[in-house]
Amino acid sequence: MIKNRLKVLRAERNWTQAELADRLKISRQAVISIEKYKYLPSLELTFKIARLFGQPIEQIFYLEGIL
């Protein structure tokens, strides 16, 4: 399963789910689903997330048990 650090990164910046959604131009519900591992974002959205946080994709998204 692919996991992510989205919730942690968002919290470090004191952003709400709605604020992150606005920055990514997606719905708040999409952010919730990504954070709960119910939705795997598209490659395009994954790149947007990585750019927004200034980190490589593999620092945000990882295979469970590897990081």
N, C-alpha and C. Protein backbone atom coordinates (compact mmCIF):
# COMPACT_ATOMS: atom_id res chain seq x y z
N MET A 1 0.84 -1.19 0.00
CA MET A 1 0.00 0.00 0.00
C MET A 1 0.89 1.25 0.00
N ILE A 2 0.50 2.21 -0.79
CA ILE A 2 1.23 3.48 -0.82
C ILE A 2 0.66 4.39 0.26
N LYS A 3 1.54 4.86 1.12
CA LYS A 3 1.17 5.78 2.20
C LYS A 3 1.70 7.17 1.87
N ASN A 4 1.36 8.14 2.69
CA ASN A 4 1.87 9.49 2.45
C ASN A 4 2.02 10.25 3.77
N ARG A 5 2.76 11.33 3.69
CA ARG A 5 3.01 12.20 4.84
C ARG A 5 2.25 13.51 4.71
N LEU A 6 1.20 13.52 3.91
CA LEU A 6 0.47 14.75 3.62
C LEU A 6 -0.07 15.42 4.87
N LYS A 7 -0.67 14.66 5.75
CA LYS A 7 -1.25 15.23 6.97
C LYS A 7 -0.17 15.88 7.84
N VAL A 8 0.97 15.22 7.96
CA VAL A 8 2.09 15.75 8.76
C VAL A 8 2.61 17.04 8.14
N LEU A 9 2.84 17.03 6.84
CA LEU A 9 3.36 18.23 6.16
C LEU A 9 2.39 19.39 6.26
N ARG A 10 1.11 19.08 6.13
CA ARG A 10 0.09 20.12 6.25
C ARG A 10 0.08 20.70 7.67
N ALA A 11 0.16 19.84 8.66
CA ALA A 11 0.15 20.28 10.06
C ALA A 11 1.38 21.13 10.39
N GLU A 12 2.53 20.77 9.82
CA GLU A 12 3.75 21.55 10.05
C GLU A 12 3.59 22.99 9.60
N ARG A 13 2.74 23.20 8.61
CA ARG A 13 2.51 24.55 8.07
C ARG A 13 1.26 25.20 8.65
N ASN A 14 0.59 24.49 9.56
CA ASN A 14 -0.66 24.98 10.17
C ASN A 14 -1.73 25.28 9.13
N TRP A 15 -1.79 24.44 8.09
CA TRP A 15 -2.82 24.58 7.07
C TRP A 15 -3.97 23.65 7.40
N THR A 16 -5.17 24.12 7.18
CA THR A 16 -6.34 23.25 7.29
C THR A 16 -6.44 22.42 6.01
N GLN A 17 -7.30 21.43 6.07
CA GLN A 17 -7.54 20.65 4.85
C GLN A 17 -8.10 21.53 3.75
N ALA A 18 -8.95 22.47 4.12
CA ALA A 18 -9.54 23.38 3.14
C ALA A 18 -8.47 24.28 2.51
N GLU A 19 -7.52 24.76 3.32
CA GLU A 19 -6.46 25.61 2.79
C GLU A 19 -5.57 24.83 1.81
N LEU A 20 -5.25 23.59 2.17
CA LEU A 20 -4.45 22.76 1.26
C LEU A 20 -5.22 22.50 -0.02
N ALA A 21 -6.49 22.20 0.10
CA ALA A 21 -7.33 21.96 -1.07
C ALA A 21 -7.34 23.18 -2.00
N ASP A 22 -7.47 24.36 -1.42
CA ASP A 22 -7.46 25.59 -2.22
C ASP A 22 -6.14 25.76 -2.95
N ARG A 23 -5.04 25.49 -2.27
CA ARG A 23 -3.72 25.64 -2.88
C ARG A 23 -3.51 24.66 -4.03
N LEU A 24 -4.11 23.47 -3.90
CA LEU A 24 -3.95 22.44 -4.94
C LEU A 24 -5.07 22.49 -5.97
N LYS A 25 -6.08 23.32 -5.72
CA LYS A 25 -7.24 23.43 -6.62
C LYS A 25 -7.99 22.09 -6.72
N ILE A 26 -8.18 21.46 -5.56
CA ILE A 26 -8.97 20.24 -5.46
C ILE A 26 -9.97 20.43 -4.33
N SER A 27 -10.85 19.46 -4.15
CA SER A 27 -11.85 19.57 -3.08
C SER A 27 -11.23 19.18 -1.74
N ARG A 28 -11.84 19.67 -0.68
CA ARG A 28 -11.42 19.30 0.66
C ARG A 28 -11.62 17.80 0.87
N GLN A 29 -12.68 17.28 0.28
CA GLN A 29 -12.96 15.84 0.38
C GLN A 29 -11.84 15.03 -0.26
N ALA A 30 -11.25 15.52 -1.34
CA ALA A 30 -10.12 14.82 -1.97
C ALA A 30 -8.92 14.79 -1.03
N VAL A 31 -8.66 15.91 -0.35
CA VAL A 31 -7.55 15.95 0.62
C VAL A 31 -7.80 14.94 1.73
N ILE A 32 -9.01 14.90 2.25
CA ILE A 32 -9.36 13.94 3.30
C ILE A 32 -9.11 12.51 2.82
N SER A 33 -9.55 12.20 1.61
CA SER A 33 -9.39 10.85 1.06
C SER A 33 -7.93 10.48 0.85
N ILE A 34 -7.12 11.43 0.42
CA ILE A 34 -5.69 11.17 0.25
C ILE A 34 -5.04 10.92 1.60
N GLU A 35 -5.36 11.76 2.58
CA GLU A 35 -4.77 11.61 3.92
C GLU A 35 -5.16 10.29 4.57
N LYS A 36 -6.34 9.78 4.26
CA LYS A 36 -6.81 8.52 4.85
C LYS A 36 -6.48 7.32 3.98
N TYR A 37 -5.68 7.52 2.94
CA TYR A 37 -5.23 6.46 2.02
C TYR A 37 -6.38 5.79 1.27
N LYS A 38 -7.49 6.51 1.10
CA LYS A 38 -8.62 5.98 0.35
C LYS A 38 -8.54 6.35 -1.13
N TYR A 39 -7.69 7.31 -1.44
CA TYR A 39 -7.57 7.80 -2.82
C TYR A 39 -6.10 8.04 -3.11
N LEU A 40 -5.61 7.45 -4.18
CA LEU A 40 -4.24 7.66 -4.63
C LEU A 40 -4.29 8.74 -5.71
N PRO A 41 -3.64 9.88 -5.46
CA PRO A 41 -3.74 10.97 -6.43
C PRO A 41 -3.09 10.64 -7.76
N SER A 42 -3.53 11.32 -8.78
CA SER A 42 -2.95 11.15 -10.12
C SER A 42 -1.48 11.58 -10.08
N LEU A 43 -0.75 11.19 -11.08
CA LEU A 43 0.65 11.58 -11.17
C LEU A 43 0.78 13.10 -11.24
N GLU A 44 -0.11 13.75 -11.99
CA GLU A 44 -0.09 15.21 -12.08
C GLU A 44 -0.29 15.86 -10.71
N LEU A 45 -1.27 15.37 -9.96
CA LEU A 45 -1.53 15.92 -8.64
C LEU A 45 -0.37 15.61 -7.68
N THR A 46 0.22 14.45 -7.83
CA THR A 46 1.37 14.08 -7.00
C THR A 46 2.52 15.07 -7.21
N PHE A 47 2.78 15.44 -8.45
CA PHE A 47 3.81 16.44 -8.74
C PHE A 47 3.45 17.79 -8.15
N LYS A 48 2.17 18.18 -8.24
CA LYS A 48 1.74 19.46 -7.66
C LYS A 48 1.96 19.48 -6.15
N ILE A 49 1.65 18.38 -5.50
CA ILE A 49 1.84 18.28 -4.05
C ILE A 49 3.31 18.40 -3.70
N ALA A 50 4.15 17.68 -4.43
CA ALA A 50 5.59 17.72 -4.17
C ALA A 50 6.14 19.13 -4.36
N ARG A 51 5.72 19.80 -5.42
CA ARG A 51 6.16 21.19 -5.66
C ARG A 51 5.70 22.11 -4.55
N LEU A 52 4.46 21.97 -4.14
CA LEU A 52 3.90 22.83 -3.11
C LEU A 52 4.69 22.71 -1.80
N PHE A 53 5.09 21.51 -1.45
CA PHE A 53 5.83 21.29 -0.21
C PHE A 53 7.35 21.38 -0.40
N GLY A 54 7.79 21.52 -1.64
CA GLY A 54 9.22 21.65 -1.91
C GLY A 54 10.01 20.41 -1.56
N GLN A 55 9.40 19.25 -1.78
CA GLN A 55 10.07 17.98 -1.47
C GLN A 55 9.91 17.01 -2.63
N PRO A 56 10.85 16.07 -2.75
CA PRO A 56 10.70 15.04 -3.79
C PRO A 56 9.46 14.18 -3.50
N ILE A 57 8.87 13.68 -4.53
CA ILE A 57 7.67 12.84 -4.40
C ILE A 57 7.90 11.71 -3.42
N GLU A 58 9.06 11.06 -3.50
CA GLU A 58 9.31 9.89 -2.64
C GLU A 58 9.49 10.26 -1.17
N GLN A 59 9.61 11.54 -0.86
CA GLN A 59 9.64 11.97 0.54
C GLN A 59 8.22 12.18 1.09
N ILE A 60 7.26 12.25 0.19
CA ILE A 60 5.86 12.45 0.58
C ILE A 60 5.07 11.15 0.46
N PHE A 61 5.28 10.43 -0.63
CA PHE A 61 4.59 9.17 -0.88
C PHE A 61 5.59 8.03 -0.81
N TYR A 62 5.20 6.94 -0.14
CA TYR A 62 6.12 5.82 0.03
C TYR A 62 5.33 4.51 0.19
N LEU A 63 6.01 3.41 -0.08
CA LEU A 63 5.39 2.10 0.11
C LEU A 63 5.43 1.75 1.59
N GLU A 64 4.34 1.27 2.09
CA GLU A 64 4.25 0.89 3.51
C GLU A 64 5.35 -0.12 3.83
N GLY A 65 6.02 0.11 4.96
CA GLY A 65 7.07 -0.80 5.40
C GLY A 65 8.46 -0.45 4.89
N ILE A 66 8.56 0.54 4.00
CA ILE A 66 9.87 0.92 3.46
C ILE A 66 10.44 2.13 4.17
N LEU A 67 9.61 3.05 4.57
CA LEU A 67 10.12 4.27 5.23
C LEU A 67 9.91 4.17 6.72
